[in-house]
């Protein structure tokens, strides 16, 4: 509460479900495997 940011951890974001082999309507990817290899936490 005393900070002007919040921290998001264990982050997932949408991916095109057609690219995944999960047979789910929604596909998510865990943040961290991108080219810039971000740490698992995000300040917003």
ModelCIF file with pLDDT and N, C-alpha, C, O atoms, coordinates in Angstrom:
data_MODEL
#
_entry.id   MODEL 
#
_entity.id                         1 
_entity.type                       polymer 
_entity.pdbx_number_of_molecules   1 
#
_entity_poly.entity_id                      1 
_entity_poly.type                           'polypeptide(L)' 
_entity_poly.nstd_linkage                   no 
_entity_poly.nstd_monomer                   no 
_entity_poly.pdbx_seq_one_letter_code       
;(UNK)(UNK)(UNK)(UNK)(UNK)(UNK)(UNK)(UNK)(UNK)(UNK)(UNK)(UNK)(UNK)(UNK)(UNK)(UNK)
(UNK)(UNK)(UNK)(UNK)(UNK)(UNK)(UNK)(UNK)(UNK)(UNK)(UNK)(UNK)(UNK)(UNK)(UNK)(UNK)
(UNK)(UNK)(UNK)(UNK)(UNK)(UNK)(UNK)(UNK)(UNK)(UNK)(UNK)(UNK)
;
_entity_poly.pdbx_seq_one_letter_code_can   XXXXXXXXXXXXXXXXXXXXXXXXXXXXXXXXXXXXXXXXXXXX 
_entity_poly.pdbx_strand_id                 A 
#
loop_
_entity_poly_seq.entity_id 
_entity_poly_seq.num 
_entity_poly_seq.mon_id 
_entity_poly_seq.hetero 
1 1  UNK n 
1 2  UNK n 
1 3  UNK n 
1 4  UNK n 
1 5  UNK n 
1 6  UNK n 
1 7  UNK n 
1 8  UNK n 
1 9  UNK n 
1 10 UNK n 
1 11 UNK n 
1 12 UNK n 
1 13 UNK n 
1 14 UNK n 
1 15 UNK n 
1 16 UNK n 
1 17 UNK n 
1 18 UNK n 
1 19 UNK n 
1 20 UNK n 
1 21 UNK n 
1 22 UNK n 
1 23 UNK n 
1 24 UNK n 
1 25 UNK n 
1 26 UNK n 
1 27 UNK n 
1 28 UNK n 
1 29 UNK n 
1 30 UNK n 
1 31 UNK n 
1 32 UNK n 
1 33 UNK n 
1 34 UNK n 
1 35 UNK n 
1 36 UNK n 
1 37 UNK n 
1 38 UNK n 
1 39 UNK n 
1 40 UNK n 
1 41 UNK n 
1 42 UNK n 
1 43 UNK n 
1 44 UNK n 
#
_struct_asym.id          A 
_struct_asym.entity_id   1 
#
loop_
_ma_qa_metric.id 
_ma_qa_metric.mode 
_ma_qa_metric.name 
_ma_qa_metric.software_group_id 
_ma_qa_metric.type 
1 global pLDDT . pLDDT 
2 local  pLDDT . pLDDT 
#
_ma_qa_metric_global.metric_id      1 
_ma_qa_metric_global.metric_value   83.18 
_ma_qa_metric_global.model_id       1 
_ma_qa_metric_global.ordinal_id     1 
#
loop_
_ma_qa_metric_local.label_asym_id 
_ma_qa_metric_local.label_comp_id 
_ma_qa_metric_local.label_seq_id 
_ma_qa_metric_local.metric_id 
_ma_qa_metric_local.metric_value 
_ma_qa_metric_local.model_id 
_ma_qa_metric_local.ordinal_id 
A UNK 1  2 89.00 1 1  
A UNK 2  2 92.00 1 2  
A UNK 3  2 93.00 1 3  
A UNK 4  2 95.00 1 4  
A UNK 5  2 95.00 1 5  
A UNK 6  2 95.00 1 6  
A UNK 7  2 95.00 1 7  
A UNK 8  2 94.00 1 8  
A UNK 9  2 93.00 1 9  
A UNK 10 2 91.00 1 10 
A UNK 11 2 91.00 1 11 
A UNK 12 2 90.00 1 12 
A UNK 13 2 88.00 1 13 
A UNK 14 2 84.00 1 14 
A UNK 15 2 79.00 1 15 
A UNK 16 2 70.00 1 16 
A UNK 17 2 67.00 1 17 
A UNK 18 2 68.00 1 18 
A UNK 19 2 69.00 1 19 
A UNK 20 2 66.00 1 20 
A UNK 21 2 67.00 1 21 
A UNK 22 2 69.00 1 22 
A UNK 23 2 71.00 1 23 
A UNK 24 2 69.00 1 24 
A UNK 25 2 73.00 1 25 
A UNK 26 2 78.00 1 26 
A UNK 27 2 80.00 1 27 
A UNK 28 2 83.00 1 28 
A UNK 29 2 82.00 1 29 
A UNK 30 2 86.00 1 30 
A UNK 31 2 88.00 1 31 
A UNK 32 2 84.00 1 32 
A UNK 33 2 79.00 1 33 
A UNK 34 2 81.00 1 34 
A UNK 35 2 85.00 1 35 
A UNK 36 2 85.00 1 36 
A UNK 37 2 85.00 1 37 
A UNK 38 2 86.00 1 38 
A UNK 39 2 81.00 1 39 
A UNK 40 2 73.00 1 40 
A UNK 41 2 90.00 1 41 
A UNK 42 2 93.00 1 42 
A UNK 43 2 94.00 1 43 
A UNK 44 2 94.00 1 44 
#
loop_
_atom_site.group_PDB 
_atom_site.id 
_atom_site.type_symbol 
_atom_site.label_atom_id 
_atom_site.label_alt_id 
_atom_site.label_comp_id 
_atom_site.label_asym_id 
_atom_site.label_entity_id 
_atom_site.label_seq_id 
_atom_site.pdbx_PDB_ins_code 
_atom_site.Cartn_x 
_atom_site.Cartn_y 
_atom_site.Cartn_z 
_atom_site.occupancy 
_atom_site.B_iso_or_equiv 
_atom_site.pdbx_formal_charge 
_atom_site.auth_seq_id 
_atom_site.auth_comp_id 
_atom_site.auth_asym_id 
_atom_site.auth_atom_id 
_atom_site.pdbx_PDB_model_num 
ATOM 1   N N  . UNK A 1 1  ? 0.786   -1.231  0.000   1.00 89.00 ? 1  UNK A N  1 
ATOM 2   C CA . UNK A 1 1  ? 0.000   0.000   0.000   1.00 89.00 ? 1  UNK A CA 1 
ATOM 3   C C  . UNK A 1 1  ? 0.823   1.289   0.000   1.00 89.00 ? 1  UNK A C  1 
ATOM 4   O O  . UNK A 1 1  ? 0.321   2.321   -0.447  1.00 89.00 ? 1  UNK A O  1 
ATOM 5   N N  . UNK A 1 2  ? 2.043   1.270   0.474   1.00 92.00 ? 2  UNK A N  1 
ATOM 6   C CA . UNK A 1 2  ? 2.855   2.485   0.529   1.00 92.00 ? 2  UNK A CA 1 
ATOM 7   C C  . UNK A 1 2  ? 3.641   2.718   -0.767  1.00 92.00 ? 2  UNK A C  1 
ATOM 8   O O  . UNK A 1 2  ? 4.331   3.729   -0.893  1.00 92.00 ? 2  UNK A O  1 
ATOM 9   N N  . UNK A 1 3  ? 3.545   1.806   -1.720  1.00 93.00 ? 3  UNK A N  1 
ATOM 10  C CA . UNK A 1 3  ? 4.297   1.916   -2.970  1.00 93.00 ? 3  UNK A CA 1 
ATOM 11  C C  . UNK A 1 3  ? 3.400   2.432   -4.091  1.00 93.00 ? 3  UNK A C  1 
ATOM 12  O O  . UNK A 1 3  ? 2.184   2.243   -4.056  1.00 93.00 ? 3  UNK A O  1 
ATOM 13  N N  . UNK A 1 4  ? 4.001   3.081   -5.079  1.00 95.00 ? 4  UNK A N  1 
ATOM 14  C CA . UNK A 1 4  ? 3.220   3.527   -6.238  1.00 95.00 ? 4  UNK A CA 1 
ATOM 15  C C  . UNK A 1 4  ? 3.144   2.442   -7.306  1.00 95.00 ? 4  UNK A C  1 
ATOM 16  O O  . UNK A 1 4  ? 2.606   2.670   -8.390  1.00 95.00 ? 4  UNK A O  1 
ATOM 17  N N  . UNK A 1 5  ? 3.690   1.248   -6.998  1.00 95.00 ? 5  UNK A N  1 
ATOM 18  C CA . UNK A 1 5  ? 3.599   0.117   -7.919  1.00 95.00 ? 5  UNK A CA 1 
ATOM 19  C C  . UNK A 1 5  ? 3.068   -1.107  -7.187  1.00 95.00 ? 5  UNK A C  1 
ATOM 20  O O  . UNK A 1 5  ? 3.098   -1.176  -5.959  1.00 95.00 ? 5  UNK A O  1 
ATOM 21  N N  . UNK A 1 6  ? 2.586   -2.065  -7.957  1.00 95.00 ? 6  UNK A N  1 
ATOM 22  C CA . UNK A 1 6  ? 2.259   -3.393  -7.449  1.00 95.00 ? 6  UNK A CA 1 
ATOM 23  C C  . UNK A 1 6  ? 3.203   -4.363  -8.151  1.00 95.00 ? 6  UNK A C  1 
ATOM 24  O O  . UNK A 1 6  ? 3.773   -4.040  -9.193  1.00 95.00 ? 6  UNK A O  1 
ATOM 25  N N  . UNK A 1 7  ? 3.362   -5.541  -7.579  1.00 95.00 ? 7  UNK A N  1 
ATOM 26  C CA . UNK A 1 7  ? 4.245   -6.544  -8.171  1.00 95.00 ? 7  UNK A CA 1 
ATOM 27  C C  . UNK A 1 7  ? 3.395   -7.739  -8.592  1.00 95.00 ? 7  UNK A C  1 
ATOM 28  O O  . UNK A 1 7  ? 2.596   -8.253  -7.809  1.00 95.00 ? 7  UNK A O  1 
ATOM 29  N N  . UNK A 1 8  ? 3.577   -8.167  -9.821  1.00 94.00 ? 8  UNK A N  1 
ATOM 30  C CA . UNK A 1 8  ? 2.894   -9.344  -10.338 1.00 94.00 ? 8  UNK A CA 1 
ATOM 31  C C  . UNK A 1 8  ? 3.945   -10.441 -10.502 1.00 94.00 ? 8  UNK A C  1 
ATOM 32  O O  . UNK A 1 8  ? 4.981   -10.234 -11.134 1.00 94.00 ? 8  UNK A O  1 
ATOM 33  N N  . UNK A 1 9  ? 3.662   -11.615 -9.923  1.00 93.00 ? 9  UNK A N  1 
ATOM 34  C CA . UNK A 1 9  ? 4.589   -12.752 -9.987  1.00 93.00 ? 9  UNK A CA 1 
ATOM 35  C C  . UNK A 1 9  ? 3.878   -13.961 -10.593 1.00 93.00 ? 9  UNK A C  1 
ATOM 36  O O  . UNK A 1 9  ? 2.650   -14.006 -10.663 1.00 93.00 ? 9  UNK A O  1 
ATOM 37  N N  . UNK A 1 10 ? 4.663   -14.928 -11.025 1.00 91.00 ? 10 UNK A N  1 
ATOM 38  C CA . UNK A 1 10 ? 4.111   -16.152 -11.624 1.00 91.00 ? 10 UNK A CA 1 
ATOM 39  C C  . UNK A 1 10 ? 3.158   -15.751 -12.752 1.00 91.00 ? 10 UNK A C  1 
ATOM 40  O O  . UNK A 1 10 ? 1.970   -16.070 -12.714 1.00 91.00 ? 10 UNK A O  1 
ATOM 41  N N  . UNK A 1 11 ? 3.684   -15.058 -13.741 1.00 91.00 ? 11 UNK A N  1 
ATOM 42  C CA . UNK A 1 11 ? 2.897   -14.357 -14.754 1.00 91.00 ? 11 UNK A CA 1 
ATOM 43  C C  . UNK A 1 11 ? 2.643   -15.224 -15.983 1.00 91.00 ? 11 UNK A C  1 
ATOM 44  O O  . UNK A 1 11 ? 3.543   -15.889 -16.495 1.00 91.00 ? 11 UNK A O  1 
ATOM 45  N N  . UNK A 1 12 ? 1.405   -15.197 -16.438 1.00 90.00 ? 12 UNK A N  1 
ATOM 46  C CA . UNK A 1 12 ? 0.995   -15.864 -17.672 1.00 90.00 ? 12 UNK A CA 1 
ATOM 47  C C  . UNK A 1 12 ? 0.277   -14.851 -18.542 1.00 90.00 ? 12 UNK A C  1 
ATOM 48  O O  . UNK A 1 12 ? -0.320  -13.900 -18.039 1.00 90.00 ? 12 UNK A O  1 
ATOM 49  N N  . UNK A 1 13 ? 0.338   -15.059 -19.860 1.00 88.00 ? 13 UNK A N  1 
ATOM 50  C CA . UNK A 1 13 ? -0.395  -14.191 -20.783 1.00 88.00 ? 13 UNK A CA 1 
ATOM 51  C C  . UNK A 1 13 ? -0.935  -15.032 -21.935 1.00 88.00 ? 13 UNK A C  1 
ATOM 52  O O  . UNK A 1 13 ? -0.484  -16.153 -22.169 1.00 88.00 ? 13 UNK A O  1 
ATOM 53  N N  . UNK A 1 14 ? -1.903  -14.471 -22.647 1.00 84.00 ? 14 UNK A N  1 
ATOM 54  C CA . UNK A 1 14 ? -2.576  -15.209 -23.721 1.00 84.00 ? 14 UNK A CA 1 
ATOM 55  C C  . UNK A 1 14 ? -1.642  -15.535 -24.874 1.00 84.00 ? 14 UNK A C  1 
ATOM 56  O O  . UNK A 1 14 ? -0.756  -14.758 -25.229 1.00 84.00 ? 14 UNK A O  1 
ATOM 57  N N  . UNK A 1 15 ? -1.871  -16.711 -25.448 1.00 79.00 ? 15 UNK A N  1 
ATOM 58  C CA . UNK A 1 15 ? -1.196  -17.166 -26.668 1.00 79.00 ? 15 UNK A CA 1 
ATOM 59  C C  . UNK A 1 15 ? -2.287  -17.697 -27.584 1.00 79.00 ? 15 UNK A C  1 
ATOM 60  O O  . UNK A 1 15 ? -3.368  -18.057 -27.119 1.00 79.00 ? 15 UNK A O  1 
ATOM 61  N N  . UNK A 1 16 ? -2.021  -17.746 -28.846 1.00 70.00 ? 16 UNK A N  1 
ATOM 62  C CA . UNK A 1 16 ? -2.982  -18.283 -29.805 1.00 70.00 ? 16 UNK A CA 1 
ATOM 63  C C  . UNK A 1 16 ? -3.189  -19.772 -29.506 1.00 70.00 ? 16 UNK A C  1 
ATOM 64  O O  . UNK A 1 16 ? -2.250  -20.560 -29.614 1.00 70.00 ? 16 UNK A O  1 
ATOM 65  N N  . UNK A 1 17 ? -4.391  -20.152 -29.139 1.00 67.00 ? 17 UNK A N  1 
ATOM 66  C CA . UNK A 1 17 ? -4.689  -21.541 -28.756 1.00 67.00 ? 17 UNK A CA 1 
ATOM 67  C C  . UNK A 1 17 ? -4.427  -22.511 -29.898 1.00 67.00 ? 17 UNK A C  1 
ATOM 68  O O  . UNK A 1 17 ? -4.180  -23.691 -29.652 1.00 67.00 ? 17 UNK A O  1 
ATOM 69  N N  . UNK A 1 18 ? -4.474  -22.045 -31.136 1.00 68.00 ? 18 UNK A N  1 
ATOM 70  C CA . UNK A 1 18 ? -4.221  -22.934 -32.275 1.00 68.00 ? 18 UNK A CA 1 
ATOM 71  C C  . UNK A 1 18 ? -2.766  -23.378 -32.342 1.00 68.00 ? 18 UNK A C  1 
ATOM 72  O O  . UNK A 1 18 ? -2.453  -24.377 -32.989 1.00 68.00 ? 18 UNK A O  1 
ATOM 73  N N  . UNK A 1 19 ? -1.876  -22.646 -31.679 1.00 69.00 ? 19 UNK A N  1 
ATOM 74  C CA . UNK A 1 19 ? -0.456  -23.005 -31.677 1.00 69.00 ? 19 UNK A CA 1 
ATOM 75  C C  . UNK A 1 19 ? -0.118  -24.065 -30.625 1.00 69.00 ? 19 UNK A C  1 
ATOM 76  O O  . UNK A 1 19 ? 0.965   -24.650 -30.655 1.00 69.00 ? 19 UNK A O  1 
ATOM 77  N N  . UNK A 1 20 ? -1.038  -24.309 -29.703 1.00 66.00 ? 20 UNK A N  1 
ATOM 78  C CA . UNK A 1 20 ? -0.778  -25.213 -28.584 1.00 66.00 ? 20 UNK A CA 1 
ATOM 79  C C  . UNK A 1 20 ? -1.467  -26.554 -28.815 1.00 66.00 ? 20 UNK A C  1 
ATOM 80  O O  . UNK A 1 20 ? -2.450  -26.639 -29.552 1.00 66.00 ? 20 UNK A O  1 
ATOM 81  N N  . UNK A 1 21 ? -0.949  -27.589 -28.188 1.00 67.00 ? 21 UNK A N  1 
ATOM 82  C CA . UNK A 1 21 ? -1.530  -28.928 -28.288 1.00 67.00 ? 21 UNK A CA 1 
ATOM 83  C C  . UNK A 1 21 ? -2.254  -29.312 -27.004 1.00 67.00 ? 21 UNK A C  1 
ATOM 84  O O  . UNK A 1 21 ? -2.108  -30.438 -26.528 1.00 67.00 ? 21 UNK A O  1 
ATOM 85  N N  . UNK A 1 22 ? -3.018  -28.409 -26.444 1.00 69.00 ? 22 UNK A N  1 
ATOM 86  C CA . UNK A 1 22 ? -3.677  -28.672 -25.166 1.00 69.00 ? 22 UNK A CA 1 
ATOM 87  C C  . UNK A 1 22 ? -5.169  -28.971 -25.301 1.00 69.00 ? 22 UNK A C  1 
ATOM 88  O O  . UNK A 1 22 ? -5.794  -29.402 -24.331 1.00 69.00 ? 22 UNK A O  1 
ATOM 89  N N  . UNK A 1 23 ? -5.750  -28.755 -26.470 1.00 71.00 ? 23 UNK A N  1 
ATOM 90  C CA . UNK A 1 23 ? -7.183  -28.952 -26.700 1.00 71.00 ? 23 UNK A CA 1 
ATOM 91  C C  . UNK A 1 23 ? -8.047  -28.084 -25.789 1.00 71.00 ? 23 UNK A C  1 
ATOM 92  O O  . UNK A 1 23 ? -9.176  -28.456 -25.469 1.00 71.00 ? 23 UNK A O  1 
ATOM 93  N N  . UNK A 1 24 ? -7.531  -26.942 -25.373 1.00 69.00 ? 24 UNK A N  1 
ATOM 94  C CA . UNK A 1 24 ? -8.300  -25.988 -24.582 1.00 69.00 ? 24 UNK A CA 1 
ATOM 95  C C  . UNK A 1 24 ? -8.672  -24.803 -25.455 1.00 69.00 ? 24 UNK A C  1 
ATOM 96  O O  . UNK A 1 24 ? -8.003  -24.521 -26.449 1.00 69.00 ? 24 UNK A O  1 
ATOM 97  N N  . UNK A 1 25 ? -9.747  -24.105 -25.078 1.00 73.00 ? 25 UNK A N  1 
ATOM 98  C CA . UNK A 1 25 ? -10.166 -22.921 -25.824 1.00 73.00 ? 25 UNK A CA 1 
ATOM 99  C C  . UNK A 1 25 ? -9.197  -21.768 -25.636 1.00 73.00 ? 25 UNK A C  1 
ATOM 100 O O  . UNK A 1 25 ? -9.105  -20.884 -26.488 1.00 73.00 ? 25 UNK A O  1 
ATOM 101 N N  . UNK A 1 26 ? -8.473  -21.773 -24.522 1.00 78.00 ? 26 UNK A N  1 
ATOM 102 C CA . UNK A 1 26 ? -7.562  -20.693 -24.159 1.00 78.00 ? 26 UNK A CA 1 
ATOM 103 C C  . UNK A 1 26 ? -6.168  -21.276 -23.990 1.00 78.00 ? 26 UNK A C  1 
ATOM 104 O O  . UNK A 1 26 ? -6.006  -22.352 -23.414 1.00 78.00 ? 26 UNK A O  1 
ATOM 105 N N  . UNK A 1 27 ? -5.167  -20.572 -24.487 1.00 80.00 ? 27 UNK A N  1 
ATOM 106 C CA . UNK A 1 27 ? -3.780  -20.996 -24.276 1.00 80.00 ? 27 UNK A CA 1 
ATOM 107 C C  . UNK A 1 27 ? -3.026  -19.852 -23.607 1.00 80.00 ? 27 UNK A C  1 
ATOM 108 O O  . UNK A 1 27 ? -3.189  -18.687 -23.970 1.00 80.00 ? 27 UNK A O  1 
ATOM 109 N N  . UNK A 1 28 ? -2.213  -20.197 -22.642 1.00 83.00 ? 28 UNK A N  1 
ATOM 110 C CA . UNK A 1 28 ? -1.413  -19.213 -21.927 1.00 83.00 ? 28 UNK A CA 1 
ATOM 111 C C  . UNK A 1 28 ? 0.051   -19.629 -21.969 1.00 83.00 ? 28 UNK A C  1 
ATOM 112 O O  . UNK A 1 28 ? 0.377   -20.808 -22.098 1.00 83.00 ? 28 UNK A O  1 
ATOM 113 N N  . UNK A 1 29 ? 0.920   -18.637 -21.859 1.00 82.00 ? 29 UNK A N  1 
ATOM 114 C CA . UNK A 1 29 ? 2.360   -18.867 -21.818 1.00 82.00 ? 29 UNK A CA 1 
ATOM 115 C C  . UNK A 1 29 ? 2.890   -18.219 -20.553 1.00 82.00 ? 29 UNK A C  1 
ATOM 116 O O  . UNK A 1 29 ? 2.464   -17.124 -20.184 1.00 82.00 ? 29 UNK A O  1 
ATOM 117 N N  . UNK A 1 30 ? 3.824   -18.897 -19.884 1.00 86.00 ? 30 UNK A N  1 
ATOM 118 C CA . UNK A 1 30 ? 4.446   -18.310 -18.699 1.00 86.00 ? 30 UNK A CA 1 
ATOM 119 C C  . UNK A 1 30 ? 5.494   -17.301 -19.152 1.00 86.00 ? 30 UNK A C  1 
ATOM 120 O O  . UNK A 1 30 ? 6.332   -17.594 -20.005 1.00 86.00 ? 30 UNK A O  1 
ATOM 121 N N  . UNK A 1 31 ? 5.432   -16.127 -18.574 1.00 88.00 ? 31 UNK A N  1 
ATOM 122 C CA . UNK A 1 31 ? 6.383   -15.066 -18.893 1.00 88.00 ? 31 UNK A CA 1 
ATOM 123 C C  . UNK A 1 31 ? 7.771   -15.461 -18.401 1.00 88.00 ? 31 UNK A C  1 
ATOM 124 O O  . UNK A 1 31 ? 7.921   -16.008 -17.308 1.00 88.00 ? 31 UNK A O  1 
ATOM 125 N N  . UNK A 1 32 ? 8.784   -15.178 -19.221 1.00 84.00 ? 32 UNK A N  1 
ATOM 126 C CA . UNK A 1 32 ? 10.159  -15.445 -18.848 1.00 84.00 ? 32 UNK A CA 1 
ATOM 127 C C  . UNK A 1 32 ? 10.961  -16.090 -19.965 1.00 84.00 ? 32 UNK A C  1 
ATOM 128 O O  . UNK A 1 32 ? 12.190  -16.025 -19.959 1.00 84.00 ? 32 UNK A O  1 
ATOM 129 N N  . UNK A 1 33 ? 10.286  -16.709 -20.919 1.00 79.00 ? 33 UNK A N  1 
ATOM 130 C CA . UNK A 1 33 ? 10.982  -17.375 -22.007 1.00 79.00 ? 33 UNK A CA 1 
ATOM 131 C C  . UNK A 1 33 ? 11.159  -16.514 -23.249 1.00 79.00 ? 33 UNK A C  1 
ATOM 132 O O  . UNK A 1 33 ? 11.618  -17.004 -24.281 1.00 79.00 ? 33 UNK A O  1 
ATOM 133 N N  . UNK A 1 34 ? 10.805  -15.249 -23.161 1.00 81.00 ? 34 UNK A N  1 
ATOM 134 C CA . UNK A 1 34 ? 10.906  -14.354 -24.311 1.00 81.00 ? 34 UNK A CA 1 
ATOM 135 C C  . UNK A 1 34 ? 12.371  -14.043 -24.609 1.00 81.00 ? 34 UNK A C  1 
ATOM 136 O O  . UNK A 1 34 ? 13.253  -14.350 -23.806 1.00 81.00 ? 34 UNK A O  1 
ATOM 137 N N  . UNK A 1 35 ? 12.621  -13.440 -25.753 1.00 85.00 ? 35 UNK A N  1 
ATOM 138 C CA . UNK A 1 35 ? 13.977  -13.137 -26.206 1.00 85.00 ? 35 UNK A CA 1 
ATOM 139 C C  . UNK A 1 35 ? 14.750  -12.318 -25.173 1.00 85.00 ? 35 UNK A C  1 
ATOM 140 O O  . UNK A 1 35 ? 15.942  -12.550 -24.969 1.00 85.00 ? 35 UNK A O  1 
ATOM 141 N N  . UNK A 1 36 ? 14.089  -11.370 -24.526 1.00 85.00 ? 36 UNK A N  1 
ATOM 142 C CA . UNK A 1 36 ? 14.792  -10.531 -23.554 1.00 85.00 ? 36 UNK A CA 1 
ATOM 143 C C  . UNK A 1 36 ? 14.877  -11.181 -22.171 1.00 85.00 ? 36 UNK A C  1 
ATOM 144 O O  . UNK A 1 36 ? 15.443  -10.584 -21.254 1.00 85.00 ? 36 UNK A O  1 
ATOM 145 N N  . UNK A 1 37 ? 14.333  -12.383 -21.997 1.00 85.00 ? 37 UNK A N  1 
ATOM 146 C CA . UNK A 1 37 ? 14.378  -13.186 -20.778 1.00 85.00 ? 37 UNK A CA 1 
ATOM 147 C C  . UNK A 1 37 ? 14.105  -12.373 -19.510 1.00 85.00 ? 37 UNK A C  1 
ATOM 148 O O  . UNK A 1 37 ? 14.983  -12.230 -18.659 1.00 85.00 ? 37 UNK A O  1 
ATOM 149 N N  . UNK A 1 38 ? 12.880  -11.842 -19.390 1.00 86.00 ? 38 UNK A N  1 
ATOM 150 C CA . UNK A 1 38 ? 12.551  -11.047 -18.200 1.00 86.00 ? 38 UNK A CA 1 
ATOM 151 C C  . UNK A 1 38 ? 12.520  -11.908 -16.940 1.00 86.00 ? 38 UNK A C  1 
ATOM 152 O O  . UNK A 1 38 ? 12.260  -13.110 -16.992 1.00 86.00 ? 38 UNK A O  1 
ATOM 153 N N  . UNK A 1 39 ? 12.788  -11.267 -15.821 1.00 81.00 ? 39 UNK A N  1 
ATOM 154 C CA . UNK A 1 39 ? 12.656  -11.951 -14.531 1.00 81.00 ? 39 UNK A CA 1 
ATOM 155 C C  . UNK A 1 39 ? 11.177  -12.256 -14.311 1.00 81.00 ? 39 UNK A C  1 
ATOM 156 O O  . UNK A 1 39 ? 10.319  -11.716 -15.011 1.00 81.00 ? 39 UNK A O  1 
ATOM 157 N N  . UNK A 1 40 ? 10.884  -13.099 -13.364 1.00 73.00 ? 40 UNK A N  1 
ATOM 158 C CA . UNK A 1 40 ? 9.506   -13.551 -13.169 1.00 73.00 ? 40 UNK A CA 1 
ATOM 159 C C  . UNK A 1 40 ? 8.593   -12.474 -12.597 1.00 73.00 ? 40 UNK A C  1 
ATOM 160 O O  . UNK A 1 40 ? 7.373   -12.615 -12.675 1.00 73.00 ? 40 UNK A O  1 
ATOM 161 N N  . UNK A 1 41 ? 9.132   -11.418 -12.032 1.00 90.00 ? 41 UNK A N  1 
ATOM 162 C CA . UNK A 1 41 ? 8.282   -10.386 -11.444 1.00 90.00 ? 41 UNK A CA 1 
ATOM 163 C C  . UNK A 1 41 ? 8.159   -9.189  -12.377 1.00 90.00 ? 41 UNK A C  1 
ATOM 164 O O  . UNK A 1 41 ? 9.087   -8.857  -13.114 1.00 90.00 ? 41 UNK A O  1 
ATOM 165 N N  . UNK A 1 42 ? 6.992   -8.549  -12.330 1.00 93.00 ? 42 UNK A N  1 
ATOM 166 C CA . UNK A 1 42 ? 6.729   -7.358  -13.129 1.00 93.00 ? 42 UNK A CA 1 
ATOM 167 C C  . UNK A 1 42 ? 6.167   -6.294  -12.198 1.00 93.00 ? 42 UNK A C  1 
ATOM 168 O O  . UNK A 1 42 ? 5.220   -6.551  -11.454 1.00 93.00 ? 42 UNK A O  1 
ATOM 169 N N  . UNK A 1 43 ? 6.742   -5.112  -12.238 1.00 94.00 ? 43 UNK A N  1 
ATOM 170 C CA . UNK A 1 43 ? 6.210   -3.987  -11.464 1.00 94.00 ? 43 UNK A CA 1 
ATOM 171 C C  . UNK A 1 43 ? 5.301   -3.173  -12.373 1.00 94.00 ? 43 UNK A C  1 
ATOM 172 O O  . UNK A 1 43 ? 5.655   -2.856  -13.509 1.00 94.00 ? 43 UNK A O  1 
ATOM 173 N N  . UNK A 1 44 ? 4.128   -2.842  -11.855 1.00 94.00 ? 44 UNK A N  1 
ATOM 174 C CA . UNK A 1 44 ? 3.134   -2.091  -12.621 1.00 94.00 ? 44 UNK A CA 1 
ATOM 175 C C  . UNK A 1 44 ? 2.725   -0.873  -11.810 1.00 94.00 ? 44 UNK A C  1 
ATOM 176 O O  . UNK A 1 44 ? 1.892   -0.085  -12.257 1.00 94.00 ? 44 UNK A O  1 
#
